[in-house]
Amino acid sequence: MSVDLIGFLGVVLVAYVVPGPDFLVVVRSAAEHPAKGRTAALGAQSGLCVHMVAAAVGLSVLAARSPVVYDAIKFLGAAYLVQLGVRAVLTARRQTRRQRGGHEVTGVASPDGWRSGFAQGFLTNVLNPKAALFFLSVLPQFVHGGGSPARQIFLLGVLDVLVGVAYWFALVPVAARLGTLLARPRFRHRWELTTGWLFIGIGIGVAAAA
């Protein structure tokens, strides 16, 4: 397979470094517990595998050319992000009410299991139409015309997924340090509000995107 691997890896790394829905989900999960952060990362990369397989067999082409399919994916993804944001904002407000009622909130909320982190990462990625369009529009630019396009897309996609796993697993220990700060009620309140409104903003942005 003759492809520009250095150029491809550069594009992939930039795509991961630029914060997006996956970044926010992984960081939030890691701040609760490192294990939850890692499972959220694996969930996001599993969602990426769905886009990879879809692109390899041509389903992404169908989705991109069908406004109904594309819009359905887009609005489902937007609704899910907004729902995550609303939950975070409501959590912050509940903490405020507890503090005003004389019930001090201490410590970091225990993680709700690896399944929750994995599901959030997976759904956030698989319902993101931009991830599908990456495989459809960007990745084929690195495919060599002399080989099987499906095979090359699959191999480049696997490389993308592996790079992502390495990146997320390097990020998780850094994000996990937020857990100490989240033990402080005031910081946790601001964290929940900030990330909640970020989720809502990203969700609205996805829905409004042409």
Protein backbone atom coordinates (compact mmCIF):
# COMPACT_ATOMS: atom_id res chain seq x y z
CA MET A 1 0.00 0.00 0.00
CA SER A 2 1.63 3.22 -1.20
CA VAL A 3 0.28 6.09 0.84
CA ASP A 4 1.67 9.21 2.49
CA LEU A 5 1.70 7.80 6.03
CA ILE A 6 3.48 10.82 7.51
CA GLY A 7 0.91 13.18 6.01
CA PHE A 8 -1.92 10.93 7.13
CA LEU A 9 -0.61 10.69 10.69
CA GLY A 10 -0.23 14.47 10.79
CA VAL A 11 -3.86 14.99 9.80
CA VAL A 12 -5.04 12.38 12.31
CA LEU A 13 -3.07 13.91 15.19
CA VAL A 14 -4.45 17.37 14.44
CA ALA A 15 -7.98 15.93 14.39
CA TYR A 16 -7.44 14.41 17.85
CA VAL A 17 -5.72 17.42 19.41
CA VAL A 18 -8.49 19.84 18.41
CA PRO A 19 -11.08 19.54 21.26
CA GLY A 20 -14.44 18.14 20.28
CA PRO A 21 -17.24 16.00 21.75
CA ASP A 22 -14.99 12.94 22.19
CA PHE A 23 -12.38 15.04 24.01
CA LEU A 24 -14.95 16.42 26.41
CA VAL A 25 -16.46 13.00 27.17
CA VAL A 26 -13.07 11.40 27.83
CA VAL A 27 -11.85 14.27 30.03
CA ARG A 28 -15.08 14.35 32.07
CA SER A 29 -14.99 10.58 32.54
CA ALA A 30 -11.29 10.56 33.49
CA ALA A 31 -11.91 13.32 36.04
CA GLU A 32 -14.39 11.01 37.79
CA HIS A 33 -12.11 7.97 37.63
CA PRO A 34 -9.16 6.98 35.39
CA ALA A 35 -10.77 3.63 34.57
CA LYS A 36 -13.92 5.37 33.40
CA GLY A 37 -11.81 7.68 31.25
CA ARG A 38 -10.12 4.74 29.58
CA THR A 39 -13.41 2.98 28.90
CA ALA A 40 -14.86 6.21 27.48
CA ALA A 41 -11.83 6.39 25.19
CA LEU A 42 -12.33 2.79 24.09
CA GLY A 43 -15.99 3.56 23.49
CA ALA A 44 -15.12 6.52 21.29
CA GLN A 45 -12.67 4.44 19.28
CA SER A 46 -15.24 1.65 18.94
CA GLY A 47 -17.62 4.21 17.48
CA LEU A 48 -14.85 5.21 15.08
CA CYS A 49 -14.60 1.57 14.01
CA VAL A 50 -18.26 1.72 12.97
CA HIS A 51 -17.51 4.71 10.71
CA MET A 52 -14.44 2.94 9.36
CA VAL A 53 -16.34 -0.20 8.38
CA ALA A 54 -19.17 1.90 6.92
CA ALA A 55 -16.71 3.84 4.77
CA ALA A 56 -14.95 0.66 3.66
CA VAL A 57 -18.19 -0.89 2.40
CA GLY A 58 -19.57 2.35 1.00
CA LEU A 59 -22.31 3.05 3.50
CA SER A 60 -20.84 6.46 4.34
CA VAL A 61 -21.25 7.47 0.70
CA LEU A 62 -24.94 6.62 0.92
CA ALA A 63 -25.34 8.56 4.17
CA ALA A 64 -23.52 11.60 2.82
CA ARG A 65 -25.57 11.66 -0.39
CA SER A 66 -28.87 11.16 1.38
CA PRO A 67 -29.93 14.34 3.22
CA VAL A 68 -32.50 12.37 5.24
CA VAL A 69 -29.95 9.86 6.56
CA TYR A 70 -27.35 12.53 7.23
CA ASP A 71 -29.79 14.84 9.01
CA ALA A 72 -31.14 11.96 11.11
CA ILE A 73 -27.62 11.10 12.32
CA LYS A 74 -26.81 14.76 12.89
CA PHE A 75 -29.90 15.51 14.99
CA LEU A 76 -29.60 12.30 17.00
CA GLY A 77 -26.01 13.19 17.83
CA ALA A 78 -26.96 16.77 18.70
CA ALA A 79 -29.79 15.61 20.95
CA TYR A 80 -27.49 13.20 22.78
CA LEU A 81 -24.88 15.91 23.41
CA VAL A 82 -27.52 18.34 24.65
CA GLN A 83 -28.89 15.63 26.94
CA LEU A 84 -25.42 15.09 28.45
CA GLY A 85 -25.11 18.84 28.96
CA VAL A 86 -28.50 19.20 30.60
CA ARG A 87 -27.67 16.36 33.00
CA ALA A 88 -24.43 18.09 34.01
CA VAL A 89 -26.15 21.46 34.55
CA LEU A 90 -28.89 19.84 36.63
CA THR A 91 -26.24 18.06 38.70
CA ALA A 92 -24.58 21.41 39.43
CA ARG A 93 -27.90 22.92 40.50
CA ARG A 94 -28.67 20.00 42.80
CA GLN A 95 -25.30 20.47 44.46
CA THR A 96 -26.08 24.15 45.01
CA ARG A 97 -29.41 23.30 46.66
CA ARG A 98 -27.71 20.77 48.95
CA GLN A 99 -25.14 23.33 50.03
CA ARG A 100 -27.80 25.94 50.71
CA GLY A 101 -29.72 23.37 52.72
CA GLY A 102 -26.74 22.81 54.96
CA HIS A 103 -25.66 19.50 53.41
CA GLU A 104 -22.01 19.85 52.50
CA VAL A 105 -21.01 18.10 49.29
CA THR A 106 -17.60 16.54 49.63
CA GLY A 107 -15.58 14.23 47.50
CA VAL A 108 -15.94 13.26 43.89
CA ALA A 109 -19.05 11.45 42.82
CA SER A 110 -18.23 7.78 42.34
CA PRO A 111 -18.10 6.68 38.74
CA ASP A 112 -21.24 4.94 37.54
CA GLY A 113 -19.35 2.01 36.10
CA TRP A 114 -17.28 1.31 33.01
CA ARG A 115 -20.43 0.63 30.97
CA SER A 116 -21.55 4.23 31.35
CA GLY A 117 -18.18 5.60 30.23
CA PHE A 118 -18.01 3.22 27.27
CA ALA A 119 -21.58 3.98 26.21
CA GLN A 120 -21.04 7.75 26.38
CA GLY A 121 -17.86 7.54 24.33
CA PHE A 122 -19.40 5.18 21.78
CA LEU A 123 -22.65 7.08 21.26
CA THR A 124 -20.92 10.46 21.13
CA ASN A 125 -18.66 9.25 18.33
CA VAL A 126 -21.00 7.03 16.36
CA LEU A 127 -23.68 9.75 16.27
CA ASN A 128 -21.18 12.36 15.09
CA PRO A 129 -21.62 12.81 11.31
CA LYS A 130 -18.30 14.65 11.11
CA ALA A 131 -16.52 11.42 12.05
CA ALA A 132 -18.22 9.66 9.14
CA LEU A 133 -17.36 12.50 6.77
CA PHE A 134 -13.70 12.31 7.87
CA PHE A 135 -13.50 8.77 6.57
CA LEU A 136 -15.45 9.72 3.46
CA SER A 137 -13.69 12.93 2.44
CA VAL A 138 -10.28 13.12 4.14
CA LEU A 139 -9.09 9.54 4.41
CA PRO A 140 -9.60 8.65 0.69
CA GLN A 141 -7.08 11.37 -0.21
CA PHE A 142 -4.38 9.05 1.13
CA VAL A 143 -5.61 5.99 -0.76
CA HIS A 144 -3.39 4.78 -3.62
CA GLY A 145 -5.29 4.22 -6.85
CA GLY A 146 -3.46 1.00 -7.67
CA GLY A 147 -4.86 -1.02 -4.76
CA SER A 148 -8.21 -1.98 -3.31
CA PRO A 149 -9.84 1.21 -1.93
CA ALA A 150 -11.86 -0.72 0.66
CA ARG A 151 -8.78 -2.54 1.94
CA GLN A 152 -6.71 0.63 2.11
CA ILE A 153 -9.48 2.57 3.88
CA PHE A 154 -9.78 -0.26 6.38
CA LEU A 155 -6.02 -0.35 7.07
CA LEU A 156 -5.75 3.44 7.38
CA GLY A 157 -8.81 3.39 9.62
CA VAL A 158 -7.21 0.81 11.91
CA LEU A 159 -4.12 3.04 12.13
CA ASP A 160 -6.38 6.00 12.99
CA VAL A 161 -8.07 4.02 15.75
CA LEU A 162 -4.75 2.85 17.24
CA VAL A 163 -3.33 6.38 17.21
CA GLY A 164 -6.48 7.54 18.98
CA VAL A 165 -6.21 4.87 21.67
CA ALA A 166 -2.61 5.90 22.36
CA TYR A 167 -3.57 9.58 22.49
CA TRP A 168 -6.56 9.09 24.82
CA PHE A 169 -4.65 6.78 27.15
CA ALA A 170 -1.89 9.41 27.42
CA LEU A 171 -4.50 12.09 28.13
CA VAL A 172 -6.42 10.15 30.79
CA PRO A 173 -3.78 10.38 33.58
CA VAL A 174 -3.53 14.14 33.03
CA ALA A 175 -7.30 14.59 33.09
CA ALA A 176 -7.59 12.29 36.12
CA ARG A 177 -5.72 14.86 38.20
CA LEU A 178 -8.85 16.97 38.02
CA GLY A 179 -10.34 14.49 40.46
CA THR A 180 -8.48 16.13 43.35
CA LEU A 181 -9.85 19.53 42.42
CA LEU A 182 -13.34 18.09 41.95
CA ALA A 183 -13.30 17.09 45.62
CA ARG A 184 -13.83 20.78 46.31
CA PRO A 185 -17.57 21.54 46.06
CA ARG A 186 -17.13 25.00 44.55
CA PHE A 187 -14.77 23.77 41.81
CA ARG A 188 -16.98 20.77 41.04
CA HIS A 189 -20.01 23.05 40.74
CA ARG A 190 -18.19 25.24 38.20
CA TRP A 191 -16.86 22.18 36.39
CA GLU A 192 -20.31 20.67 35.97
CA LEU A 193 -21.78 23.98 34.77
CA THR A 194 -18.93 24.69 32.35
CA THR A 195 -18.78 21.26 30.78
CA GLY A 196 -22.57 21.02 30.75
CA TRP A 197 -22.96 24.23 28.79
CA LEU A 198 -20.11 23.18 26.51
CA PHE A 199 -21.97 19.97 25.68
CA ILE A 200 -25.13 21.94 25.03
CA GLY A 201 -23.26 24.44 22.87
CA ILE A 202 -21.55 21.72 20.84
CA GLY A 203 -24.88 19.92 20.41
CA ILE A 204 -26.56 23.08 19.14
CA GLY A 205 -23.61 23.68 16.84
CA VAL A 206 -23.90 20.17 15.38
CA ALA A 207 -27.63 20.63 14.80
CA ALA A 208 -27.13 24.02 13.17
CA ALA A 209 -24.27 22.90 10.92
CA ALA A 210 -25.15 22.76 7.25
